[in-house]
Amino acid sequence: MTPAPLTIYGIPNCDSVKKARVWLADRGADCFFHDFKKQGVPPQALDFWISQVGWETLLNRKGTTWRKLDSTLQASVIDKESARQVMLEHVSVIKRPVCVLNGQVIVGVNPQAWQNVLG
């Protein structure tokens, strides 16, 4: 059985994205890669991810990009709309990778979840 195409969103030089791409490729997953840096984050996709996993899961407050943001901007992120705006303007604050397959959204390195979705 051939798995359905999977979209991986992220940044190519991100270690987590590299791990995901290798793990999925090793299992023969048909993957499409969407580069945040070159292609941006589609607002509709971000809205879908937020609806599925919540903005708190998507917003990476531990990363370098978040730490480099002005403290006033950091403090302004208090809800879905404010988080969405920051994620659209500073795509690197989105936790990576974001994997989407058959309407399921998996954020971060999660081989067990990937395996469950791939079947």
PDB file of N, CA and C in Angstrom:
ATOM      1  N   MET A   1       0.843  -1.194   0.000  1.00  0.00           N
ATOM      2  CA  MET A   1       0.000   0.000   0.000  1.00  0.00           C
ATOM      3  C   MET A   1       0.878   1.244   0.000  1.00  0.00           C
ATOM      4  N   THR A   2       0.615   2.176  -0.894  1.00  0.00           N
ATOM      5  CA  THR A   2       1.369   3.422  -0.974  1.00  0.00           C
ATOM      6  C   THR A   2       0.674   4.483  -0.143  1.00  0.00           C
ATOM      7  N   PRO A   3       1.406   5.123   0.789  1.00  0.00           N
ATOM      8  CA  PRO A   3       0.779   6.149   1.615  1.00  0.00           C
ATOM      9  C   PRO A   3       0.368   7.359   0.783  1.00  0.00           C
ATOM     10  N   ALA A   4      -0.640   8.076   1.256  1.00  0.00           N
ATOM     11  CA  ALA A   4      -1.084   9.305   0.608  1.00  0.00           C
ATOM     12  C   ALA A   4      -0.016  10.375   0.764  1.00  0.00           C
ATOM     13  N   PRO A   5       0.030  11.341  -0.162  1.00  0.00           N
ATOM     14  CA  PRO A   5       1.031  12.408  -0.046  1.00  0.00           C
ATOM     15  C   PRO A   5       0.903  13.156   1.291  1.00  0.00           C
ATOM     16  N   LEU A   6       2.022  13.497   1.799  1.00  0.00           N
ATOM     17  CA  LEU A   6       2.142  14.187   3.075  1.00  0.00           C
ATOM     18  C   LEU A   6       2.844  15.508   2.812  1.00  0.00           C
ATOM     19  N   THR A   7       2.391  16.569   3.444  1.00  0.00           N
ATOM     20  CA  THR A   7       3.075  17.854   3.318  1.00  0.00           C
ATOM     21  C   THR A   7       3.807  18.137   4.617  1.00  0.00           C
ATOM     22  N   ILE A   8       5.096  18.448   4.469  1.00  0.00           N
ATOM     23  CA  ILE A   8       5.928  18.840   5.603  1.00  0.00           C
ATOM     24  C   ILE A   8       6.225  20.326   5.429  1.00  0.00           C
ATOM     25  N   TYR A   9       5.849  21.110   6.426  1.00  0.00           N
ATOM     26  CA  TYR A   9       6.114  22.543   6.421  1.00  0.00           C
ATOM     27  C   TYR A   9       7.261  22.812   7.373  1.00  0.00           C
ATOM     28  N   GLY A  10       8.201  23.645   6.935  1.00  0.00           N
ATOM     29  CA  GLY A  10       9.310  23.970   7.814  1.00  0.00           C
ATOM     30  C   GLY A  10      10.399  24.732   7.096  1.00  0.00           C
ATOM     31  N   ILE A  11      11.585  24.634   7.665  1.00  0.00           N
ATOM     32  CA  ILE A  11      12.770  25.308   7.153  1.00  0.00           C
ATOM     33  C   ILE A  11      13.811  24.223   6.882  1.00  0.00           C
ATOM     34  N   PRO A  12      14.399  24.190   5.682  1.00  0.00           N
ATOM     35  CA  PRO A  12      15.254  23.065   5.317  1.00  0.00           C
ATOM     36  C   PRO A  12      16.462  22.826   6.233  1.00  0.00           C
ATOM     37  N   ASN A  13      17.028  23.866   6.812  1.00  0.00           N
ATOM     38  CA  ASN A  13      18.205  23.665   7.654  1.00  0.00           C
ATOM     39  C   ASN A  13      17.867  23.412   9.123  1.00  0.00           C
ATOM     40  N   CYS A  14      16.600  23.298   9.451  1.00  0.00           N
ATOM     41  CA  CYS A  14      16.163  23.006  10.822  1.00  0.00           C
ATOM     42  C   CYS A  14      16.410  21.520  11.120  1.00  0.00           C
ATOM     43  N   ASP A  15      17.080  21.232  12.222  1.00  0.00           N
ATOM     44  CA  ASP A  15      17.389  19.848  12.579  1.00  0.00           C
ATOM     45  C   ASP A  15      16.139  18.989  12.734  1.00  0.00           C
ATOM     46  N   SER A  16      15.089  19.537  13.313  1.00  0.00           N
ATOM     47  CA  SER A  16      13.846  18.782  13.490  1.00  0.00           C
ATOM     48  C   SER A  16      13.212  18.444  12.146  1.00  0.00           C
ATOM     49  N   VAL A  17      13.256  19.385  11.225  1.00  0.00           N
ATOM     50  CA  VAL A  17      12.711  19.150   9.887  1.00  0.00           C
ATOM     51  C   VAL A  17      13.544  18.085   9.175  1.00  0.00           C
ATOM     52  N   LYS A  18      14.856  18.181   9.317  1.00  0.00           N
ATOM     53  CA  LYS A  18      15.735  17.175   8.699  1.00  0.00           C
ATOM     54  C   LYS A  18      15.416  15.786   9.239  1.00  0.00           C
ATOM     55  N   LYS A  19      15.242  15.662  10.545  1.00  0.00           N
ATOM     56  CA  LYS A  19      14.908  14.367  11.154  1.00  0.00           C
ATOM     57  C   LYS A  19      13.605  13.817  10.592  1.00  0.00           C
ATOM     58  N   ALA A  20      12.607  14.694  10.492  1.00  0.00           N
ATOM     59  CA  ALA A  20      11.302  14.272   9.982  1.00  0.00           C
ATOM     60  C   ALA A  20      11.412  13.808   8.540  1.00  0.00           C
ATOM     61  N   ARG A  21      12.106  14.566   7.723  1.00  0.00           N
ATOM     62  CA  ARG A  21      12.222  14.215   6.303  1.00  0.00           C
ATOM     63  C   ARG A  21      12.947  12.886   6.125  1.00  0.00           C
ATOM     64  N   VAL A  22      14.003  12.669   6.886  1.00  0.00           N
ATOM     65  CA  VAL A  22      14.743  11.406   6.790  1.00  0.00           C
ATOM     66  C   VAL A  22      13.880  10.247   7.273  1.00  0.00           C
ATOM     67  N   TRP A  23      13.235  10.407   8.425  1.00  0.00           N
ATOM     68  CA  TRP A  23      12.411   9.334   8.990  1.00  0.00           C
ATOM     69  C   TRP A  23      11.310   8.947   8.000  1.00  0.00           C
ATOM     70  N   LEU A  24      10.627   9.930   7.461  1.00  0.00           N
ATOM     71  CA  LEU A  24       9.523   9.670   6.531  1.00  0.00           C
ATOM     72  C   LEU A  24      10.026   9.077   5.217  1.00  0.00           C
ATOM     73  N   ALA A  25      11.129   9.593   4.702  1.00  0.00           N
ATOM     74  CA  ALA A  25      11.693   9.060   3.455  1.00  0.00           C
ATOM     75  C   ALA A  25      12.129   7.604   3.633  1.00  0.00           C
ATOM     76  N   ASP A  26      12.712   7.298   4.788  1.00  0.00           N
ATOM     77  CA  ASP A  26      13.154   5.919   5.063  1.00  0.00           C
ATOM     78  C   ASP A  26      11.986   4.939   5.067  1.00  0.00           C
ATOM     79  N   ARG A  27      10.789   5.438   5.279  1.00  0.00           N
ATOM     80  CA  ARG A  27       9.598   4.580   5.312  1.00  0.00           C
ATOM     81  C   ARG A  27       8.778   4.685   4.027  1.00  0.00           C
ATOM     82  N   GLY A  28       9.358   5.344   3.039  1.00  0.00           N
ATOM     83  CA  GLY A  28       8.717   5.426   1.737  1.00  0.00           C
ATOM     84  C   GLY A  28       7.533   6.367   1.651  1.00  0.00           C
ATOM     85  N   ALA A  29       7.407   7.283   2.591  1.00  0.00           N
ATOM     86  CA  ALA A  29       6.291   8.233   2.567  1.00  0.00           C
ATOM     87  C   ALA A  29       6.450   9.196   1.391  1.00  0.00           C
ATOM     88  N   ASP A  30       5.377   9.426   0.681  1.00  0.00           N
ATOM     89  CA  ASP A  30       5.345  10.364  -0.431  1.00  0.00           C
ATOM     90  C   ASP A  30       5.173  11.757   0.167  1.00  0.00           C
ATOM     91  N   CYS A  31       6.268  12.528   0.239  1.00  0.00           N
ATOM     92  CA  CYS A  31       6.248  13.819   0.936  1.00  0.00           C
ATOM     93  C   CYS A  31       6.471  14.990  -0.013  1.00  0.00           C
ATOM     94  N   PHE A  32       5.740  16.059   0.260  1.00  0.00           N
ATOM     95  CA  PHE A  32       5.960  17.337  -0.390  1.00  0.00           C
ATOM     96  C   PHE A  32       6.490  18.275   0.688  1.00  0.00           C
ATOM     97  N   PHE A  33       7.563  19.011   0.389  1.00  0.00           N
ATOM     98  CA  PHE A  33       8.139  19.930   1.365  1.00  0.00           C
ATOM     99  C   PHE A  33       7.773  21.365   1.012  1.00  0.00           C
ATOM    100  N   HIS A  34       7.246  22.087   1.997  1.00  0.00           N
ATOM    101  CA  HIS A  34       6.905  23.500   1.845  1.00  0.00           C
ATOM    102  C   HIS A  34       7.860  24.307   2.716  1.00  0.00           C
ATOM    103  N   ASP A  35       8.698  25.105   2.083  1.00  0.00           N
ATOM    104  CA  ASP A  35       9.729  25.889   2.761  1.00  0.00           C
ATOM    105  C   ASP A  35       9.154  27.225   3.239  1.00  0.00           C
ATOM    106  N   PHE A  36       9.063  27.374   4.568  1.00  0.00           N
ATOM    107  CA  PHE A  36       8.568  28.622   5.167  1.00  0.00           C
ATOM    108  C   PHE A  36       9.349  29.840   4.672  1.00  0.00           C
ATOM    109  N   LYS A  37      10.653  29.702   4.594  1.00  0.00           N
ATOM    110  CA  LYS A  37      11.498  30.850   4.261  1.00  0.00           C
ATOM    111  C   LYS A  37      11.276  31.320   2.833  1.00  0.00           C
ATOM    112  N   LYS A  38      11.130  30.404   1.910  1.00  0.00           N
ATOM    113  CA  LYS A  38      10.976  30.772   0.506  1.00  0.00           C
ATOM    114  C   LYS A  38       9.529  31.005   0.110  1.00  0.00           C
ATOM    115  N   GLN A  39       8.616  30.230   0.682  1.00  0.00           N
ATOM    116  CA  GLN A  39       7.224  30.274   0.251  1.00  0.00           C
ATOM    117  C   GLN A  39       6.283  30.927   1.258  1.00  0.00           C
ATOM    118  N   GLY A  40       6.785  31.248   2.426  1.00  0.00           N
ATOM    119  CA  GLY A  40       5.940  31.821   3.458  1.00  0.00           C
ATOM    120  C   GLY A  40       5.007  30.772   4.050  1.00  0.00           C
ATOM    121  N   VAL A  41       4.171  31.220   4.943  1.00  0.00           N
ATOM    122  CA  VAL A  41       3.178  30.342   5.561  1.00  0.00           C
ATOM    123  C   VAL A  41       1.813  30.758   5.027  1.00  0.00           C
ATOM    124  N   PRO A  42       1.133  29.863   4.319  1.00  0.00           N
ATOM    125  CA  PRO A  42      -0.200  30.226   3.830  1.00  0.00           C
ATOM    126  C   PRO A  42      -1.139  30.509   5.003  1.00  0.00           C
ATOM    127  N   PRO A  43      -1.753  31.697   5.039  1.00  0.00           N
ATOM    128  CA  PRO A  43      -2.634  32.031   6.161  1.00  0.00           C
ATOM    129  C   PRO A  43      -3.732  30.994   6.406  1.00  0.00           C
ATOM    130  N   GLN A  44      -4.287  30.446   5.308  1.00  0.00           N
ATOM    131  CA  GLN A  44      -5.347  29.442   5.463  1.00  0.00           C
ATOM    132  C   GLN A  44      -4.798  28.176   6.127  1.00  0.00           C
ATOM    133  N   ALA A  45      -3.574  27.808   5.770  1.00  0.00           N
ATOM    134  CA  ALA A  45      -2.950  26.631   6.377  1.00  0.00           C
ATOM    135  C   ALA A  45      -2.729  26.879   7.868  1.00  0.00           C
ATOM    136  N   LEU A  46      -2.215  28.071   8.205  1.00  0.00           N
ATOM    137  CA  LEU A  46      -1.988  28.402   9.610  1.00  0.00           C
ATOM    138  C   LEU A  46      -3.300  28.358  10.390  1.00  0.00           C
ATOM    139  N   ASP A  47      -4.360  28.878   9.809  1.00  0.00           N
ATOM    140  CA  ASP A  47      -5.668  28.845  10.469  1.00  0.00           C
ATOM    141  C   ASP A  47      -6.117  27.402  10.717  1.00  0.00           C
ATOM    142  N   PHE A  48      -5.890  26.540   9.733  1.00  0.00           N
ATOM    143  CA  PHE A  48      -6.258  25.134   9.883  1.00  0.00           C
ATOM    144  C   PHE A  48      -5.436  24.480  10.998  1.00  0.00           C
ATOM    145  N   TRP A  49      -4.129  24.725  11.010  1.00  0.00           N
ATOM    146  CA  TRP A  49      -3.280  24.135  12.045  1.00  0.00           C
ATOM    147  C   TRP A  49      -3.742  24.582  13.425  1.00  0.00           C
ATOM    148  N   ILE A  50      -4.020  25.875  13.559  1.00  0.00           N
ATOM    149  CA  ILE A  50      -4.477  26.403  14.851  1.00  0.00           C
ATOM    150  C   ILE A  50      -5.781  25.728  15.261  1.00  0.00           C
ATOM    151  N   SER A  51      -6.674  25.527  14.304  1.00  0.00           N
ATOM    152  CA  SER A  51      -7.959  24.886  14.632  1.00  0.00           C
ATOM    153  C   SER A  51      -7.773  23.430  15.068  1.00  0.00           C
ATOM    154  N   GLN A  52      -6.713  22.797  14.584  1.00  0.00           N
ATOM    155  CA  GLN A  52      -6.489  21.385  14.885  1.00  0.00           C
ATOM    156  C   GLN A  52      -5.664  21.146  16.150  1.00  0.00           C
ATOM    157  N   VAL A  53      -4.615  21.951  16.341  1.00  0.00           N
ATOM    158  CA  VAL A  53      -3.708  21.684  17.464  1.00  0.00           C
ATOM    159  C   VAL A  53      -3.607  22.826  18.475  1.00  0.00           C
ATOM    160  N   GLY A  54      -4.168  23.996  18.136  1.00  0.00           N
ATOM    161  CA  GLY A  54      -4.106  25.142  19.043  1.00  0.00           C
ATOM    162  C   GLY A  54      -2.865  25.985  18.823  1.00  0.00           C
ATOM    163  N   TRP A  55      -3.007  27.269  19.044  1.00  0.00           N
ATOM    164  CA  TRP A  55      -1.880  28.184  18.827  1.00  0.00           C
ATOM    165  C   TRP A  55      -0.752  27.948  19.814  1.00  0.00           C
ATOM    166  N   GLU A  56      -1.109  27.482  21.009  1.00  0.00           N
ATOM    167  CA  GLU A  56      -0.090  27.245  22.036  1.00  0.00           C
ATOM    168  C   GLU A  56       0.891  26.158  21.612  1.00  0.00           C
ATOM    169  N   THR A  57       0.407  25.157  20.886  1.00  0.00           N
ATOM    170  CA  THR A  57       1.266  24.076  20.391  1.00  0.00           C
ATOM    171  C   THR A  57       2.151  24.569  19.260  1.00  0.00           C
ATOM    172  N   LEU A  58       1.618  25.415  18.402  1.00  0.00           N
ATOM    173  CA  LEU A  58       2.361  25.898  17.231  1.00  0.00           C
ATOM    174  C   LEU A  58       3.420  26.937  17.566  1.00  0.00           C
ATOM    175  N   LEU A  59       3.171  27.750  18.548  1.00  0.00           N
ATOM    176  CA  LEU A  59       4.090  28.840  18.875  1.00  0.00           C
ATOM    177  C   LEU A  59       5.258  28.303  19.698  1.00  0.00           C
ATOM    178  N   ASN A  60       6.445  28.398  19.132  1.00  0.00           N
ATOM    179  CA  ASN A  60       7.645  27.883  19.800  1.00  0.00           C
ATOM    180  C   ASN A  60       8.280  28.987  20.641  1.00  0.00           C
ATOM    181  N   ARG A  61       7.943  28.995  21.907  1.00  0.00           N
ATOM    182  CA  ARG A  61       8.479  30.015  22.819  1.00  0.00           C
ATOM    183  C   ARG A  61       9.869  29.662  23.355  1.00  0.00           C
ATOM    184  N   LYS A  62      10.397  28.514  22.956  1.00  0.00           N
ATOM    185  CA  LYS A  62      11.721  28.101  23.425  1.00  0.00           C
ATOM    186  C   LYS A  62      12.813  28.371  22.402  1.00  0.00           C
ATOM    187  N   GLY A  63      12.427  28.706  21.179  1.00  0.00           N
ATOM    188  CA  GLY A  63      13.391  28.866  20.100  1.00  0.00           C
ATOM    189  C   GLY A  63      14.108  30.202  20.100  1.00  0.00           C
ATOM    190  N   THR A  64      15.157  30.251  19.302  1.00  0.00           N
ATOM    191  CA  THR A  64      15.983  31.449  19.166  1.00  0.00           C
ATOM    192  C   THR A  64      15.180  32.627  18.631  1.00  0.00           C
ATOM    193  N   THR A  65      14.340  32.377  17.654  1.00  0.00           N
ATOM    194  CA  THR A  65      13.566  33.474  17.057  1.00  0.00           C
ATOM    195  C   THR A  65      12.679  34.140  18.103  1.00  0.00           C
ATOM    196  N   TRP A  66      12.003  33.337  18.910  1.00  0.00           N
ATOM    197  CA  TRP A  66      11.144  33.897  19.967  1.00  0.00           C
ATOM    198  C   TRP A  66      11.973  34.726  20.940  1.00  0.00           C
ATOM    199  N   ARG A  67      13.100  34.195  21.355  1.00  0.00           N
ATOM    200  CA  ARG A  67      13.941  34.896  22.338  1.00  0.00           C
ATOM    201  C   ARG A  67      14.481  36.214  21.787  1.00  0.00           C
ATOM    202  N   LYS A  68      14.632  36.300  20.470  1.00  0.00           N
ATOM    203  CA  LYS A  68      15.141  37.525  19.859  1.00  0.00           C
ATOM    204  C   LYS A  68      14.058  38.588  19.646  1.00  0.00           C
ATOM    205  N   LEU A  69      12.786  38.197  19.772  1.00  0.00           N
ATOM    206  CA  LEU A  69      11.711  39.177  19.608  1.00  0.00           C
ATOM    207  C   LEU A  69      11.711  40.171  20.763  1.00  0.00           C
ATOM    208  N   ASP A  70      11.296  41.357  20.476  1.00  0.00           N
ATOM    209  CA  ASP A  70      11.157  42.401  21.488  1.00  0.00           C
ATOM    210  C   ASP A  70      10.229  41.898  22.600  1.00  0.00           C
ATOM    211  N   SER A  71      10.564  42.184  23.838  1.00  0.00           N
ATOM    212  CA  SER A  71       9.762  41.696  24.965  1.00  0.00           C
ATOM    213  C   SER A  71       8.326  42.217  24.927  1.00  0.00           C
ATOM    214  N   THR A  72       8.137  43.408  24.373  1.00  0.00           N
ATOM    215  CA  THR A  72       6.787  43.942  24.241  1.00  0.00           C
ATOM    216  C   THR A  72       5.962  43.100  23.267  1.00  0.00           C
ATOM    217  N   LEU A  73       6.589  42.698  22.164  1.00  0.00           N
ATOM    218  CA  LEU A  73       5.906  41.845  21.195  1.00  0.00           C
ATOM    219  C   LEU A  73       5.603  40.481  21.814  1.00  0.00           C
ATOM    220  N   GLN A  74       6.564  39.924  22.534  1.00  0.00           N
ATOM    221  CA  GLN A  74       6.338  38.647  23.210  1.00  0.00           C
ATOM    222  C   GLN A  74       5.137  38.751  24.163  1.00  0.00           C
ATOM    223  N   ALA A  75       5.110  39.815  24.942  1.00  0.00           N
ATOM    224  CA  ALA A  75       4.041  39.995  25.928  1.00  0.00           C
ATOM    225  C   ALA A  75       2.680  40.213  25.269  1.00  0.00           C
ATOM    226  N   SER A  76       2.680  40.663  24.020  1.00  0.00           N
ATOM    227  CA  SER A  76       1.410  40.925  23.330  1.00  0.00           C
ATOM    228  C   SER A  76       0.736  39.646  22.834  1.00  0.00           C
ATOM    229  N   VAL A  77       1.457  38.538  22.849  1.00  0.00           N
ATOM    230  CA  VAL A  77       0.892  37.274  22.374  1.00  0.00           C
ATOM    231  C   VAL A  77       0.104  36.641  23.514  1.00  0.00           C
ATOM    232  N   ILE A  78      -1.205  36.854  23.469  1.00  0.00           N
ATOM    233  CA  ILE A  78      -2.059  36.405  24.575  1.00  0.00           C
ATOM    234  C   ILE A  78      -3.234  35.544  24.129  1.00  0.00           C
ATOM    235  N   ASP A  79      -3.434  35.472  22.801  1.00  0.00           N
ATOM    236  CA  ASP A  79      -4.580  34.704  22.310  1.00  0.00           C
ATOM    237  C   ASP A  79      -4.310  34.239  20.878  1.00  0.00           C
ATOM    238  N   LYS A  80      -5.296  33.581  20.303  1.00  0.00           N
ATOM    239  CA  LYS A  80      -5.150  33.015  18.958  1.00  0.00           C
ATOM    240  C   LYS A  80      -4.800  34.078  17.922  1.00  0.00           C
ATOM    241  N   GLU A  81      -5.493  35.192  17.940  1.00  0.00           N
ATOM    242  CA  GLU A  81      -5.270  36.233  16.925  1.00  0.00           C
ATOM    243  C   GLU A  81      -3.884  36.869  17.036  1.00  0.00           C
ATOM    244  N   SER A  82      -3.467  37.181  18.252  1.00  0.00           N
ATOM    245  CA  SER A  82      -2.144  37.796  18.412  1.00  0.00           C
ATOM    246  C   SER A  82      -1.034  36.799  18.061  1.00  0.00           C
ATOM    247  N   ALA A  83      -1.229  35.540  18.426  1.00  0.00           N
ATOM    248  CA  ALA A  83      -0.243  34.510  18.081  1.00  0.00           C
ATOM    249  C   ALA A  83      -0.188  34.314  16.574  1.00  0.00           C
ATOM    250  N   ARG A  84      -1.351  34.282  15.938  1.00  0.00           N
ATOM    251  CA  ARG A  84      -1.422  34.117  14.484  1.00  0.00           C
ATOM    252  C   ARG A  84      -0.642  35.222  13.779  1.00  0.00           C
ATOM    253  N   GLN A  85      -0.838  36.449  14.215  1.00  0.00           N
ATOM    254  CA  GLN A  85      -0.157  37.586  13.590  1.00  0.00           C
ATOM    255  C   GLN A  85       1.362  37.455  13.716  1.00  0.00           C
ATOM    256  N   VAL A  86       1.828  37.099  14.894  1.00  0.00           N
ATOM    257  CA  VAL A  86       3.272  36.948  15.102  1.00  0.00           C
ATOM    258  C   VAL A  86       3.813  35.792  14.250  1.00  0.00           C
ATOM    259  N   MET A  87       3.067  34.690  14.162  1.00  0.00           N
ATOM    260  CA  MET A  87       3.525  33.546  13.360  1.00  0.00           C
ATOM    261  C   MET A  87       3.569  33.886  11.876  1.00  0.00           C
ATOM    262  N   LEU A  88       2.656  34.712  11.396  1.00  0.00           N
ATOM    263  CA  LEU A  88       2.692  35.115   9.990  1.00  0.00           C
ATOM    264  C   LEU A  88       3.855  36.063   9.709  1.00  0.00           C
ATOM    265  N   GLU A  89       4.156  36.928  10.659  1.00  0.00           N
ATOM    266  CA  GLU A  89       5.228  37.912  10.470  1.00  0.00           C
ATOM    267  C   GLU A  89       6.616  37.333  10.760  1.00  0.00           C
ATOM    268  N   HIS A  90       6.696  36.356  11.646  1.00  0.00           N
ATOM    269  CA  HIS A  90       7.966  35.755  12.048  1.00  0.00           C
ATOM    270  C   HIS A  90       7.815  34.231  11.957  1.00  0.00           C
ATOM    271  N   VAL A  91       7.872  33.707  10.738  1.00  0.00           N
ATOM    272  CA  VAL A  91       7.546  32.292  10.509  1.00  0.00           C
ATOM    273  C   VAL A  91       8.426  31.335  11.308  1.00  0.00           C
ATOM    274  N   SER A  92       9.603  31.771  11.682  1.00  0.00           N
ATOM    275  CA  SER A  92      10.503  30.884  12.425  1.00  0.00           C
ATOM    276  C   SER A  92      10.053  30.625  13.858  1.00  0.00           C
ATOM    277  N   VAL A  93       9.026  31.330  14.331  1.00  0.00           N
ATOM    278  CA  VAL A  93       8.516  31.040  15.680  1.00  0.00           C
ATOM    279  C   VAL A  93       7.531  29.866  15.670  1.00  0.00           C
ATOM    280  N   ILE A  94       7.225  29.354  14.484  1.00  0.00           N
ATOM    281  CA  ILE A  94       6.334  28.197  14.402  1.00  0.00           C
ATOM    282  C   ILE A  94       7.157  26.943  14.693  1.00  0.00           C
ATOM    283  N   LYS A  95       6.664  26.140  15.617  1.00  0.00           N
ATOM    284  CA  LYS A  95       7.348  24.902  15.956  1.00  0.00           C
ATOM    285  C   LYS A  95       7.381  24.013  14.719  1.00  0.00           C
ATOM    286  N   ARG A  96       8.517  23.384  14.499  1.00  0.00           N
ATOM    287  CA  ARG A  96       8.711  22.595  13.295  1.00  0.00           C
ATOM    288  C   ARG A  96       9.073  21.151  13.628  1.00  0.00           C
ATOM    289  N   PRO A  97       8.789  20.293  12.660  1.00  0.00           N
ATOM    290  CA  PRO A  97       8.025  20.488  11.441  1.00  0.00           C
ATOM    291  C   PRO A  97       6.528  20.469  11.724  1.00  0.00           C
ATOM    292  N   VAL A  98       5.763  20.981  10.784  1.00  0.00           N
ATOM    293  CA  VAL A  98       4.318  20.819  10.800  1.00  0.00           C
ATOM    294  C   VAL A  98       4.024  19.846   9.657  1.00  0.00           C
ATOM    295  N   CYS A  99       3.492  18.684   9.999  1.00  0.00           N
ATOM    296  CA  CYS A  99       3.186  17.655   9.009  1.00  0.00           C
ATOM    297  C   CYS A  99       1.671  17.524   8.887  1.00  0.00           C
ATOM    298  N   VAL A 100       1.198  17.519   7.642  1.00  0.00           N
ATOM    299  CA  VAL A 100      -0.242  17.411   7.402  1.00  0.00           C
ATOM    300  C   VAL A 100      -0.496  16.244   6.452  1.00  0.00           C
ATOM    301  N   LEU A 101      -1.339  15.316   6.899  1.00  0.00           N
ATOM    302  CA  LEU A 101      -1.708  14.161   6.094  1.00  0.00           C
ATOM    303  C   LEU A 101      -3.159  13.814   6.369  1.00  0.00           C
ATOM    304  N   ASN A 102      -3.936  13.758   5.312  1.00  0.00           N
ATOM    305  CA  ASN A 102      -5.349  13.384   5.433  1.00  0.00           C
ATOM    306  C   ASN A 102      -6.074  14.206   6.502  1.00  0.00           C
ATOM    307  N   GLY A 103      -5.775  15.496   6.562  1.00  0.00           N
ATOM    308  CA  GLY A 103      -6.456  16.368   7.507  1.00  0.00           C
ATOM    309  C   GLY A 103      -5.936  16.314   8.928  1.00  0.00           C
ATOM    310  N   GLN A 104      -4.929  15.496   9.172  1.00  0.00           N
ATOM    311  CA  GLN A 104      -4.338  15.431  10.515  1.00  0.00           C
ATOM    312  C   GLN A 104      -3.080  16.287  10.541  1.00  0.00           C
ATOM    313  N   VAL A 105      -2.918  17.026  11.629  1.00  0.00           N
ATOM    314  CA  VAL A 105      -1.774  17.916  11.800  1.00  0.00           C
ATOM    315  C   VAL A 105      -0.926  17.385  12.942  1.00  0.00           C
ATOM    316  N   ILE A 106       0.371  17.185  12.651  1.00  0.00           N
ATOM    317  CA  ILE A 106       1.314  16.721  13.664  1.00  0.00           C
ATOM    318  C   ILE A 106       2.430  17.764  13.736  1.00  0.00           C
ATOM    319  N   VAL A 107       2.677  18.281  14.927  1.00  0.00           N
ATOM    320  CA  VAL A 107       3.675  19.331  15.113  1.00  0.00           C
ATOM    321  C   VAL A 107       4.852  18.770  15.896  1.00  0.00           C
ATOM    322  N   GLY A 108       6.054  19.044  15.390  1.00  0.00           N
ATOM    323  CA  GLY A 108       7.259  18.575  16.052  1.00  0.00           C
ATOM    324  C   GLY A 108       7.650  17.181  15.588  1.00  0.00           C
ATOM    325  N   VAL A 109       8.754  16.707  16.114  1.00  0.00           N
ATOM    326  CA  VAL A 109       9.245  15.375  15.778  1.00  0.00           C
ATOM    327  C   VAL A 109       8.443  14.364  16.591  1.00  0.00           C
ATOM    328  N   ASN A 110       7.651  13.549  15.893  1.00  0.00           N
ATOM    329  CA  ASN A 110       6.770  12.609  16.571  1.00  0.00           C
ATOM    330  C   ASN A 110       6.598  11.343  15.723  1.00  0.00           C
ATOM    331  N   PRO A 111       7.613  10.473  15.691  1.00  0.00           N
ATOM    332  CA  PRO A 111       7.545   9.268  14.857  1.00  0.00           C
ATOM    333  C   PRO A 111       6.337   8.385  15.137  1.00  0.00           C
ATOM    334  N   GLN A 112       5.921   8.282  16.384  1.00  0.00           N
ATOM    335  CA  GLN A 112       4.764   7.450  16.690  1.00  0.00           C
ATOM    336  C   GLN A 112       3.499   7.987  16.021  1.00  0.00           C
ATOM    337  N   ALA A 113       3.299   9.283  16.091  1.00  0.00           N
ATOM    338  CA  ALA A 113       2.133   9.894  15.452  1.00  0.00           C
ATOM    339  C   ALA A 113       2.217   9.750  13.927  1.00  0.00           C
ATOM    340  N   TRP A 114       3.416   9.938  13.373  1.00  0.00           N
ATOM    341  CA  TRP A 114       3.573   9.768  11.932  1.00  0.00           C
ATOM    342  C   TRP A 114       3.223   8.350  11.512  1.00  0.00           C
ATOM    343  N   GLN A 115       3.718   7.394  12.277  1.00  0.00           N
ATOM    344  CA  GLN A 115       3.452   5.992  11.962  1.00  0.00           C
ATOM    345  C   GLN A 115       1.943   5.709  12.035  1.00  0.00           C
ATOM    346  N   ASN A 116       1.283   6.256  13.044  1.00  0.00           N
ATOM    347  CA  ASN A 116      -0.153   6.054  13.179  1.00  0.00           C
ATOM    348  C   ASN A 116      -0.926   6.619  11.996  1.00  0.00           C
ATOM    349  N   VAL A 117      -0.505   7.769  11.496  1.00  0.00           N
ATOM    350  CA  VAL A 117      -1.187   8.399  10.366  1.00  0.00           C
ATOM    351  C   VAL A 117      -0.865   7.678   9.061  1.00  0.00           C
ATOM    352  N   LEU A 118       0.372   7.237   8.916  1.00  0.00           N
ATOM    353  CA  LEU A 118       0.765   6.556   7.681  1.00  0.00           C
ATOM    354  C   LEU A 118       0.176   5.158   7.587  1.00  0.00           C
ATOM    355  N   GLY A 119      -0.090   4.572   8.764  1.00  0.00           N
ATOM    356  CA  GLY A 119      -0.686   3.233   8.789  1.00  0.00           C
ATOM    357  C   GLY A 119       0.285   2.103   8.722  1.00  0.00           C
TER     358      GLY A 119
END
